Amino acid sequence: MASILIKNAIIATMNNKLLQGDLLVEDGKITEIARTIDKQAEKVIDASR
């Protein structure tokens, strides 16, 4: 499956907080959430717009 990196996203946490950062999805599962992710992905989406 494809890896997808979503940059500059607003992420809702399970405790109703919002944070801004990046989200990495690999093989259909979220594998990393961080302020900045510097990994390669097959598709990169800029969510800042």
N, C-alpha and C. Protein backbone atom coordinates (compact mmCIF):
# COMPACT_ATOMS: atom_id res chain seq x y z
N MET A 1 0.83 -1.19 0.00
CA MET A 1 0.00 0.00 0.00
C MET A 1 0.87 1.25 0.00
N ALA A 2 0.26 2.35 -0.27
CA ALA A 2 0.96 3.62 -0.35
C ALA A 2 1.22 4.22 1.02
N SER A 3 2.27 5.01 1.08
CA SER A 3 2.51 5.81 2.27
C SER A 3 2.09 7.24 1.94
N ILE A 4 1.43 7.86 2.89
CA ILE A 4 0.91 9.22 2.70
C ILE A 4 1.40 10.08 3.86
N LEU A 5 1.98 11.21 3.55
CA LEU A 5 2.42 12.17 4.55
C LEU A 5 1.56 13.41 4.43
N ILE A 6 0.84 13.73 5.48
CA ILE A 6 0.00 14.92 5.51
C ILE A 6 0.74 15.97 6.33
N LYS A 7 1.12 17.06 5.67
CA LYS A 7 1.91 18.11 6.30
C LYS A 7 1.00 19.25 6.75
N ASN A 8 1.35 19.89 7.85
CA ASN A 8 0.69 21.11 8.34
C ASN A 8 -0.80 20.91 8.63
N ALA A 9 -1.15 19.77 9.16
CA ALA A 9 -2.55 19.46 9.43
C ALA A 9 -2.96 19.97 10.82
N ILE A 10 -4.24 20.21 11.00
CA ILE A 10 -4.79 20.44 12.33
C ILE A 10 -5.39 19.11 12.75
N ILE A 11 -4.86 18.54 13.83
CA ILE A 11 -5.19 17.19 14.25
C ILE A 11 -6.00 17.25 15.54
N ALA A 12 -7.14 16.59 15.55
CA ALA A 12 -7.97 16.50 16.75
C ALA A 12 -7.55 15.26 17.53
N THR A 13 -7.23 15.45 18.81
CA THR A 13 -6.81 14.33 19.64
C THR A 13 -8.03 13.70 20.32
N MET A 14 -7.83 12.56 20.94
CA MET A 14 -8.94 11.87 21.62
C MET A 14 -9.40 12.60 22.87
N ASN A 15 -8.58 13.52 23.39
CA ASN A 15 -9.00 14.28 24.57
C ASN A 15 -9.44 15.70 24.18
N ASN A 16 -9.99 15.81 22.97
CA ASN A 16 -10.60 17.05 22.46
C ASN A 16 -9.65 18.24 22.38
N LYS A 17 -8.40 18.00 22.12
CA LYS A 17 -7.45 19.07 21.89
C LYS A 17 -7.07 19.10 20.41
N LEU A 18 -6.70 20.27 19.94
CA LEU A 18 -6.24 20.43 18.57
C LEU A 18 -4.75 20.73 18.58
N LEU A 19 -4.03 20.11 17.68
CA LEU A 19 -2.62 20.43 17.53
C LEU A 19 -2.28 20.49 16.06
N GLN A 20 -1.26 21.25 15.74
CA GLN A 20 -0.85 21.39 14.35
C GLN A 20 0.42 20.60 14.15
N GLY A 21 0.44 19.83 13.08
CA GLY A 21 1.62 19.03 12.81
C GLY A 21 1.45 18.16 11.59
N ASP A 22 2.27 17.13 11.52
CA ASP A 22 2.28 16.22 10.38
C ASP A 22 1.77 14.85 10.82
N LEU A 23 1.26 14.12 9.85
CA LEU A 23 0.68 12.80 10.10
C LEU A 23 1.16 11.87 9.00
N LEU A 24 1.70 10.71 9.39
CA LEU A 24 2.20 9.73 8.42
C LEU A 24 1.31 8.50 8.47
N VAL A 25 0.83 8.09 7.28
CA VAL A 25 0.00 6.89 7.15
C VAL A 25 0.76 5.89 6.29
N GLU A 26 0.95 4.68 6.82
CA GLU A 26 1.62 3.61 6.08
C GLU A 26 0.76 2.36 6.14
N ASP A 27 0.56 1.76 5.00
CA ASP A 27 -0.26 0.55 4.90
C ASP A 27 -1.64 0.73 5.53
N GLY A 28 -2.22 1.91 5.37
CA GLY A 28 -3.56 2.19 5.85
C GLY A 28 -3.68 2.48 7.33
N LYS A 29 -2.54 2.62 8.03
CA LYS A 29 -2.56 2.90 9.47
C LYS A 29 -1.73 4.13 9.78
N ILE A 30 -2.21 4.92 10.73
CA ILE A 30 -1.42 6.07 11.19
C ILE A 30 -0.22 5.53 11.96
N THR A 31 0.97 5.85 11.50
CA THR A 31 2.18 5.34 12.14
C THR A 31 2.96 6.39 12.91
N GLU A 32 2.69 7.67 12.61
CA GLU A 32 3.42 8.73 13.32
C GLU A 32 2.64 10.04 13.27
N ILE A 33 2.65 10.74 14.39
CA ILE A 33 2.11 12.10 14.48
C ILE A 33 3.18 12.92 15.20
N ALA A 34 3.58 14.03 14.59
CA ALA A 34 4.61 14.87 15.19
C ALA A 34 4.50 16.28 14.63
N ARG A 35 5.15 17.24 15.29
CA ARG A 35 5.16 18.61 14.77
C ARG A 35 5.73 18.65 13.37
N THR A 36 6.81 17.92 13.14
CA THR A 36 7.43 17.84 11.82
C THR A 36 7.90 16.41 11.60
N ILE A 37 7.54 15.85 10.45
CA ILE A 37 8.02 14.53 10.06
C ILE A 37 8.86 14.71 8.81
N ASP A 38 10.11 14.28 8.88
CA ASP A 38 11.04 14.41 7.75
C ASP A 38 11.32 13.05 7.12
N LYS A 39 10.28 12.38 6.68
CA LYS A 39 10.42 11.09 6.02
C LYS A 39 9.86 11.19 4.62
N GLN A 40 10.29 10.29 3.76
CA GLN A 40 9.79 10.22 2.40
C GLN A 40 8.47 9.46 2.40
N ALA A 41 7.56 9.85 1.53
CA ALA A 41 6.29 9.15 1.36
C ALA A 41 5.94 9.15 -0.12
N GLU A 42 5.14 8.18 -0.52
CA GLU A 42 4.74 8.10 -1.93
C GLU A 42 3.87 9.29 -2.32
N LYS A 43 3.09 9.79 -1.37
CA LYS A 43 2.23 10.93 -1.63
C LYS A 43 2.35 11.90 -0.46
N VAL A 44 2.48 13.19 -0.76
CA VAL A 44 2.55 14.22 0.27
C VAL A 44 1.40 15.19 0.03
N ILE A 45 0.65 15.45 1.09
CA ILE A 45 -0.49 16.37 1.02
C ILE A 45 -0.20 17.55 1.93
N ASP A 46 -0.31 18.76 1.41
CA ASP A 46 -0.16 19.97 2.21
C ASP A 46 -1.54 20.41 2.69
N ALA A 47 -1.81 20.23 3.98
CA ALA A 47 -3.13 20.55 4.55
C ALA A 47 -3.22 21.98 5.08
N SER A 48 -2.25 22.82 4.77
CA SER A 48 -2.24 24.18 5.31
C SER A 48 -3.24 25.09 4.62
N ARG A 49 -3.79 24.68 3.50
CA ARG A 49 -4.72 25.54 2.78
C ARG A 49 -6.13 25.26 3.17
